[in-house]
Amino acid sequence: MSTPLEQQTDEREALQSIYEGDTNFKEIDSVTFQYKYGEEDNYKSFLVELKWGENYPDEAPTINMNTFYNRNLLPAVKDEIQTALSTEATQWLGCGMTYTLFECLKDNLEQLTAAQPESAPTIVSVDDGVGALKISDPDADAKKKEPKKEHLTKAQKRRQWERSDHKGDRERGWDWVDLVKHLSQTGGKNDDATATETAASNPPALHPLNN
């Protein structure tokens, strides 16, 4: 009866022959082997590493799902894959099982990765202080400070135009008061009465020849 070491040697040679040219298979050392599933850019892609102990295949290999390649794999998906491998391994104790374990995952790949998203989830980080920030717009602030322009009616605009020199400037003396008109409206009568009273109180002087 062959020893575990002899069985390992035979299985290693068989694995090298079976997976020759398969880039998904990798022999790390004489007792450690890896197999990658899925395409490189696929978020569901993962890698399984199996390591033989001294008593392998009489005991199951160590299953490692915590390689860096599996950094995006959900913990629940890792656990499900590891459970499936462990269950399968118990059925092949005493026999070389590395090839069988790698291949059993291929047959159940879609089911085992059903909970794994196909792309990275979008994480939105909200800063509590952002809501208190106010972005100042210099142009908008300047517009707010500008005085509101008076809206004139057409009649008001026409009167302003008639008072100006048609260049936007008002003629000199546009706001002067017509003095003669003002006096005739306000004090003309009173001034005449005052003048009459003054003349009566001051009779004209007689010429000396009239004495």
C-alpha atoms as a PDB file:
ATOM      1  CA  MET A   1       0.000   0.000   0.000  1.00  0.00           C
ATOM      2  CA  SER A   2       1.424   3.393  -1.003  1.00  0.00           C
ATOM      3  CA  THR A   3       2.130   6.057   1.591  1.00  0.00           C
ATOM      4  CA  PRO A   4       0.561   9.540   1.612  1.00  0.00           C
ATOM      5  CA  LEU A   5       3.857  10.974   0.307  1.00  0.00           C
ATOM      6  CA  GLU A   6       3.891   8.572  -2.644  1.00  0.00           C
ATOM      7  CA  GLN A   7       0.264   9.345  -3.413  1.00  0.00           C
ATOM      8  CA  GLN A   8       1.045  13.060  -3.363  1.00  0.00           C
ATOM      9  CA  THR A   9       3.890  12.577  -5.830  1.00  0.00           C
ATOM     10  CA  ASP A  10       1.651  10.682  -8.243  1.00  0.00           C
ATOM     11  CA  GLU A  11      -1.139  13.222  -7.970  1.00  0.00           C
ATOM     12  CA  ARG A  12       1.223  16.162  -8.465  1.00  0.00           C
ATOM     13  CA  GLU A  13       2.451  14.684 -11.724  1.00  0.00           C
ATOM     14  CA  ALA A  14      -1.120  14.014 -12.831  1.00  0.00           C
ATOM     15  CA  LEU A  15      -2.127  17.622 -12.087  1.00  0.00           C
ATOM     16  CA  GLN A  16       0.832  19.002 -14.033  1.00  0.00           C
ATOM     17  CA  SER A  17      -0.157  16.869 -17.015  1.00  0.00           C
ATOM     18  CA  ILE A  18      -3.884  17.670 -16.868  1.00  0.00           C
ATOM     19  CA  TYR A  19      -3.527  21.438 -16.438  1.00  0.00           C
ATOM     20  CA  GLU A  20      -0.566  21.942 -18.757  1.00  0.00           C
ATOM     21  CA  GLY A  21      -1.194  25.156 -20.685  1.00  0.00           C
ATOM     22  CA  ASP A  22      -4.153  26.142 -18.472  1.00  0.00           C
ATOM     23  CA  THR A  23      -3.341  29.665 -17.244  1.00  0.00           C
ATOM     24  CA  ASN A  24      -5.996  29.424 -14.541  1.00  0.00           C
ATOM     25  CA  PHE A  25      -4.030  26.676 -12.780  1.00  0.00           C
ATOM     26  CA  LYS A  26      -0.936  27.512 -10.755  1.00  0.00           C
ATOM     27  CA  GLU A  27       1.416  25.359  -8.686  1.00  0.00           C
ATOM     28  CA  ILE A  28       2.745  27.524  -5.857  1.00  0.00           C
ATOM     29  CA  ASP A  29       4.971  24.799  -4.398  1.00  0.00           C
ATOM     30  CA  SER A  30       5.006  20.984  -4.188  1.00  0.00           C
ATOM     31  CA  VAL A  31       1.929  20.904  -1.898  1.00  0.00           C
ATOM     32  CA  THR A  32       0.061  24.167  -2.733  1.00  0.00           C
ATOM     33  CA  PHE A  33      -2.127  24.646  -5.810  1.00  0.00           C
ATOM     34  CA  GLN A  34      -4.436  27.419  -7.012  1.00  0.00           C
ATOM     35  CA  TYR A  35      -7.189  27.633  -9.582  1.00  0.00           C
ATOM     36  CA  LYS A  36      -8.851  30.844 -10.803  1.00  0.00           C
ATOM     37  CA  TYR A  37     -12.479  30.988 -11.895  1.00  0.00           C
ATOM     38  CA  GLY A  38     -14.048  33.593 -14.146  1.00  0.00           C
ATOM     39  CA  GLU A  39     -12.500  36.336 -16.239  1.00  0.00           C
ATOM     40  CA  GLU A  40     -10.008  38.778 -14.756  1.00  0.00           C
ATOM     41  CA  ASP A  41     -12.280  41.814 -15.040  1.00  0.00           C
ATOM     42  CA  ASN A  42     -15.380  39.995 -13.823  1.00  0.00           C
ATOM     43  CA  TYR A  43     -16.451  40.982 -10.302  1.00  0.00           C
ATOM     44  CA  LYS A  44     -17.596  37.392  -9.726  1.00  0.00           C
ATOM     45  CA  SER A  45     -14.164  35.988 -10.460  1.00  0.00           C
ATOM     46  CA  PHE A  46     -12.398  34.252  -7.540  1.00  0.00           C
ATOM     47  CA  LEU A  47      -9.452  32.027  -6.739  1.00  0.00           C
ATOM     48  CA  VAL A  48      -9.288  28.797  -4.698  1.00  0.00           C
ATOM     49  CA  GLU A  49      -6.091  27.633  -3.015  1.00  0.00           C
ATOM     50  CA  LEU A  50      -5.647  24.051  -1.763  1.00  0.00           C
ATOM     51  CA  LYS A  51      -2.740  22.988   0.417  1.00  0.00           C
ATOM     52  CA  TRP A  52      -1.883  19.395   1.244  1.00  0.00           C
ATOM     53  CA  GLY A  53      -0.970  18.368   4.750  1.00  0.00           C
ATOM     54  CA  GLU A  54       1.406  15.516   5.679  1.00  0.00           C
ATOM     55  CA  ASN A  55      -1.461  13.008   5.768  1.00  0.00           C
ATOM     56  CA  TYR A  56      -3.168  14.083   2.552  1.00  0.00           C
ATOM     57  CA  PRO A  57      -5.110  12.437   0.888  1.00  0.00           C
ATOM     58  CA  ASP A  58      -6.151  10.605   4.034  1.00  0.00           C
ATOM     59  CA  GLU A  59      -7.208  14.001   5.309  1.00  0.00           C
ATOM     60  CA  ALA A  60      -8.814  16.874   3.407  1.00  0.00           C
ATOM     61  CA  PRO A  61      -6.562  19.661   2.089  1.00  0.00           C
ATOM     62  CA  THR A  62      -6.620  23.108   3.685  1.00  0.00           C
ATOM     63  CA  ILE A  63      -8.944  25.410   1.749  1.00  0.00           C
ATOM     64  CA  ASN A  64      -7.878  29.053   1.529  1.00  0.00           C
ATOM     65  CA  MET A  65     -10.359  31.617   0.219  1.00  0.00           C
ATOM     66  CA  ASN A  66      -8.637  34.658   1.741  1.00  0.00           C
ATOM     67  CA  THR A  67      -6.092  35.422  -0.982  1.00  0.00           C
ATOM     68  CA  PHE A  68      -5.738  39.021  -2.176  1.00  0.00           C
ATOM     69  CA  TYR A  69      -7.400  38.080  -5.451  1.00  0.00           C
ATOM     70  CA  ASN A  70     -10.631  37.473  -3.525  1.00  0.00           C
ATOM     71  CA  ARG A  71     -10.637  40.928  -1.908  1.00  0.00           C
ATOM     72  CA  ASN A  72     -13.922  41.849  -3.645  1.00  0.00           C
ATOM     73  CA  LEU A  73     -15.656  38.565  -2.894  1.00  0.00           C
ATOM     74  CA  LEU A  74     -18.502  38.822  -0.394  1.00  0.00           C
ATOM     75  CA  PRO A  75     -17.867  36.948   2.883  1.00  0.00           C
ATOM     76  CA  ALA A  76     -21.107  34.989   2.430  1.00  0.00           C
ATOM     77  CA  VAL A  77     -20.010  33.835  -1.023  1.00  0.00           C
ATOM     78  CA  LYS A  78     -16.593  32.804   0.314  1.00  0.00           C
ATOM     79  CA  ASP A  79     -18.250  30.753   3.042  1.00  0.00           C
ATOM     80  CA  GLU A  80     -20.570  29.047   0.581  1.00  0.00           C
ATOM     81  CA  ILE A  81     -17.691  28.057  -1.725  1.00  0.00           C
ATOM     82  CA  GLN A  82     -15.628  26.769   1.179  1.00  0.00           C
ATOM     83  CA  THR A  83     -18.570  24.756   2.525  1.00  0.00           C
ATOM     84  CA  ALA A  84     -19.157  23.175  -0.870  1.00  0.00           C
ATOM     85  CA  LEU A  85     -15.475  22.153  -1.130  1.00  0.00           C
ATOM     86  CA  SER A  86     -15.395  20.765   2.394  1.00  0.00           C
ATOM     87  CA  THR A  87     -18.520  18.690   1.774  1.00  0.00           C
ATOM     88  CA  GLU A  88     -17.075  17.303  -1.459  1.00  0.00           C
ATOM     89  CA  ALA A  89     -13.706  16.525   0.171  1.00  0.00           C
ATOM     90  CA  THR A  90     -15.252  14.285   2.831  1.00  0.00           C
ATOM     91  CA  GLN A  91     -16.448  11.961   0.057  1.00  0.00           C
ATOM     92  CA  TRP A  92     -12.939  11.439  -1.383  1.00  0.00           C
ATOM     93  CA  LEU A  93     -10.780  10.849   1.669  1.00  0.00           C
ATOM     94  CA  GLY A  94      -7.979   8.413   0.879  1.00  0.00           C
ATOM     95  CA  CYS A  95      -7.971   9.347  -2.805  1.00  0.00           C
ATOM     96  CA  GLY A  96      -6.304  12.144  -4.727  1.00  0.00           C
ATOM     97  CA  MET A  97      -9.044  14.789  -4.774  1.00  0.00           C
ATOM     98  CA  THR A  98      -7.468  18.100  -5.858  1.00  0.00           C
ATOM     99  CA  TYR A  99      -8.592  17.790  -9.482  1.00  0.00           C
ATOM    100  CA  THR A 100     -12.069  16.686  -8.361  1.00  0.00           C
ATOM    101  CA  LEU A 101     -12.441  19.647  -6.004  1.00  0.00           C
ATOM    102  CA  PHE A 102     -11.364  22.164  -8.642  1.00  0.00           C
ATOM    103  CA  GLU A 103     -13.733  20.673 -11.202  1.00  0.00           C
ATOM    104  CA  CYS A 104     -16.757  20.467  -8.877  1.00  0.00           C
ATOM    105  CA  LEU A 105     -16.702  24.251  -8.560  1.00  0.00           C
ATOM    106  CA  LYS A 106     -16.895  24.627 -12.335  1.00  0.00           C
ATOM    107  CA  ASP A 107     -20.112  22.642 -12.393  1.00  0.00           C
ATOM    108  CA  ASN A 108     -21.711  24.779  -9.643  1.00  0.00           C
ATOM    109  CA  LEU A 109     -20.095  28.139 -10.371  1.00  0.00           C
ATOM    110  CA  GLU A 110     -23.269  30.048 -11.230  1.00  0.00           C
ATOM    111  CA  GLN A 111     -25.115  28.802  -8.169  1.00  0.00           C
ATOM    112  CA  LEU A 112     -22.240  29.466  -5.770  1.00  0.00           C
ATOM    113  CA  THR A 113     -21.733  33.057  -6.966  1.00  0.00           C
ATOM    114  CA  ALA A 114     -25.429  34.003  -7.290  1.00  0.00           C
ATOM    115  CA  ALA A 115     -25.173  36.411  -4.349  1.00  0.00           C
ATOM    116  CA  GLN A 116     -22.045  38.097  -5.709  1.00  0.00           C
ATOM    117  CA  PRO A 117     -22.738  41.367  -7.622  1.00  0.00           C
ATOM    118  CA  GLU A 118     -21.382  41.665 -11.143  1.00  0.00           C
ATOM    119  CA  SER A 119     -19.899  45.107 -10.473  1.00  0.00           C
ATOM    120  CA  ALA A 120     -18.572  47.054  -7.509  1.00  0.00           C
ATOM    121  CA  PRO A 121     -21.310  48.685  -5.409  1.00  0.00           C
ATOM    122  CA  THR A 122     -21.462  52.480  -5.511  1.00  0.00           C
ATOM    123  CA  ILE A 123     -20.570  54.018  -2.173  1.00  0.00           C
ATOM    124  CA  VAL A 124     -21.803  57.549  -1.542  1.00  0.00           C
ATOM    125  CA  SER A 125     -20.045  59.385   1.250  1.00  0.00           C
ATOM    126  CA  VAL A 126     -21.978  62.313   2.705  1.00  0.00           C
ATOM    127  CA  ASP A 127     -20.156  64.918   4.749  1.00  0.00           C
ATOM    128  CA  ASP A 128     -22.368  66.444   7.437  1.00  0.00           C
ATOM    129  CA  GLY A 129     -20.615  69.771   6.988  1.00  0.00           C
ATOM    130  CA  VAL A 130     -21.348  70.026   3.318  1.00  0.00           C
ATOM    131  CA  GLY A 131     -24.920  71.128   3.865  1.00  0.00           C
ATOM    132  CA  ALA A 132     -23.746  74.168   5.838  1.00  0.00           C
ATOM    133  CA  LEU A 133     -21.418  75.385   3.132  1.00  0.00           C
ATOM    134  CA  LYS A 134     -22.495  78.204   0.866  1.00  0.00           C
ATOM    135  CA  ILE A 135     -20.867  78.753  -2.479  1.00  0.00           C
ATOM    136  CA  SER A 136     -20.568  82.433  -3.221  1.00  0.00           C
ATOM    137  CA  ASP A 137     -21.052  83.618  -6.764  1.00  0.00           C
ATOM    138  CA  PRO A 138     -19.377  87.051  -7.199  1.00  0.00           C
ATOM    139  CA  ASP A 139     -21.452  87.849 -10.270  1.00  0.00           C
ATOM    140  CA  ALA A 140     -24.678  86.925  -8.510  1.00  0.00           C
ATOM    141  CA  ASP A 141     -23.734  89.019  -5.450  1.00  0.00           C
ATOM    142  CA  ALA A 142     -22.954  92.016  -7.671  1.00  0.00           C
ATOM    143  CA  LYS A 143     -26.314  91.695  -9.383  1.00  0.00           C
ATOM    144  CA  LYS A 144     -28.070  91.652  -6.009  1.00  0.00           C
ATOM    145  CA  LYS A 145     -26.306  94.883  -4.926  1.00  0.00           C
ATOM    146  CA  GLU A 146     -27.199  96.775  -8.101  1.00  0.00           C
ATOM    147  CA  PRO A 147     -30.145  99.157  -7.534  1.00  0.00           C
ATOM    148  CA  LYS A 148     -33.310  98.291  -9.281  1.00  0.00           C
ATOM    149  CA  LYS A 149     -33.932 100.356 -12.379  1.00  0.00           C
ATOM    150  CA  GLU A 150     -37.117 102.425 -12.415  1.00  0.00           C
ATOM    151  CA  HIS A 151     -39.553 101.182 -14.993  1.00  0.00           C
ATOM    152  CA  LEU A 152     -41.122 104.154 -16.795  1.00  0.00           C
ATOM    153  CA  THR A 153     -44.254 104.213 -18.863  1.00  0.00           C
ATOM    154  CA  LYS A 154     -44.120 105.237 -22.509  1.00  0.00           C
ATOM    155  CA  ALA A 155     -45.624 108.650 -21.635  1.00  0.00           C
ATOM    156  CA  GLN A 156     -42.967 109.267 -18.940  1.00  0.00           C
ATOM    157  CA  LYS A 157     -40.181 108.275 -21.297  1.00  0.00           C
ATOM    158  CA  ARG A 158     -41.573 110.637 -23.978  1.00  0.00           C
ATOM    159  CA  ARG A 159     -41.668 113.601 -21.541  1.00  0.00           C
ATOM    160  CA  GLN A 160     -38.070 112.934 -20.506  1.00  0.00           C
ATOM    161  CA  TRP A 161     -37.036 112.856 -24.144  1.00  0.00           C
ATOM    162  CA  GLU A 162     -38.790 116.148 -24.912  1.00  0.00           C
ATOM    163  CA  ARG A 163     -37.033 117.813 -21.978  1.00  0.00           C
ATOM    164  CA  SER A 164     -33.629 116.577 -23.124  1.00  0.00           C
ATOM    165  CA  ASP A 165     -31.497 117.602 -26.094  1.00  0.00           C
ATOM    166  CA  HIS A 166     -32.191 114.180 -27.633  1.00  0.00           C
ATOM    167  CA  LYS A 167     -28.776 113.007 -26.510  1.00  0.00           C
ATOM    168  CA  GLY A 168     -29.808 112.088 -23.020  1.00  0.00           C
ATOM    169  CA  ASP A 169     -28.845 115.473 -21.439  1.00  0.00           C
ATOM    170  CA  ARG A 170     -31.430 117.948 -20.226  1.00  0.00           C
ATOM    171  CA  GLU A 171     -31.339 121.509 -21.527  1.00  0.00           C
ATOM    172  CA  ARG A 172     -29.878 124.207 -19.309  1.00  0.00           C
ATOM    173  CA  GLY A 173     -32.589 125.917 -17.258  1.00  0.00           C
ATOM    174  CA  TRP A 174     -35.145 123.157 -17.671  1.00  0.00           C
ATOM    175  CA  ASP A 175     -36.141 123.481 -14.023  1.00  0.00           C
ATOM    176  CA  TRP A 176     -36.081 127.309 -13.811  1.00  0.00           C
ATOM    177  CA  VAL A 177     -39.281 129.034 -12.713  1.00  0.00           C
ATOM    178  CA  ASP A 178     -40.885 131.559 -15.046  1.00  0.00           C
ATOM    179  CA  LEU A 179     -40.596 134.595 -12.747  1.00  0.00           C
ATOM    180  CA  VAL A 180     -43.102 136.807 -14.579  1.00  0.00           C
ATOM    181  CA  LYS A 181     -45.650 133.997 -14.707  1.00  0.00           C
ATOM    182  CA  HIS A 182     -45.046 133.186 -11.083  1.00  0.00           C
ATOM    183  CA  LEU A 183     -45.603 136.793  -9.970  1.00  0.00           C
ATOM    184  CA  SER A 184     -48.758 137.106 -12.026  1.00  0.00           C
ATOM    185  CA  GLN A 185     -50.160 134.012 -10.330  1.00  0.00           C
ATOM    186  CA  THR A 186     -49.101 134.743  -6.765  1.00  0.00           C
ATOM    187  CA  GLY A 187     -48.536 138.442  -5.883  1.00  0.00           C
ATOM    188  CA  GLY A 188     -49.382 140.789  -8.756  1.00  0.00           C
ATOM    189  CA  LYS A 189     -52.592 142.318  -7.280  1.00  0.00           C
ATOM    190  CA  ASN A 190     -51.179 142.858  -3.842  1.00  0.00           C
ATOM    191  CA  ASP A 191     -48.170 144.637  -5.253  1.00  0.00           C
ATOM    192  CA  ASP A 192     -50.416 147.084  -7.244  1.00  0.00           C
ATOM    193  CA  ALA A 193     -52.442 147.967  -4.137  1.00  0.00           C
ATOM    194  CA  THR A 194     -49.301 148.575  -2.150  1.00  0.00           C
ATOM    195  CA  ALA A 195     -47.973 150.896  -4.819  1.00  0.00           C
ATOM    196  CA  THR A 196     -51.249 152.956  -4.798  1.00  0.00           C
ATOM    197  CA  GLU A 197     -51.154 153.335  -1.027  1.00  0.00           C
ATOM    198  CA  THR A 198     -47.577 154.452  -1.167  1.00  0.00           C
ATOM    199  CA  ALA A 199     -48.361 157.124  -3.763  1.00  0.00           C
ATOM    200  CA  ALA A 200     -51.292 158.509  -1.679  1.00  0.00           C
ATOM    201  CA  SER A 201     -49.239 158.854   1.458  1.00  0.00           C
ATOM    202  CA  ASN A 202     -46.500 160.664  -0.391  1.00  0.00           C
ATOM    203  CA  PRO A 203     -48.093 163.486  -2.495  1.00  0.00           C
ATOM    204  CA  PRO A 204     -45.942 164.903  -5.246  1.00  0.00           C
ATOM    205  CA  ALA A 205     -43.836 167.897  -4.291  1.00  0.00           C
ATOM    206  CA  LEU A 206     -44.834 171.270  -5.849  1.00  0.00           C
ATOM    207  CA  HIS A 207     -42.376 173.219  -7.917  1.00  0.00           C
ATOM    208  CA  PRO A 208     -41.293 176.469  -6.273  1.00  0.00           C
ATOM    209  CA  LEU A 209     -42.789 178.527  -9.129  1.00  0.00           C
ATOM    210  CA  ASN A 210     -46.232 177.299  -8.181  1.00  0.00           C
ATOM    211  CA  ASN A 211     -46.198 178.856  -4.719  1.00  0.00           C
END
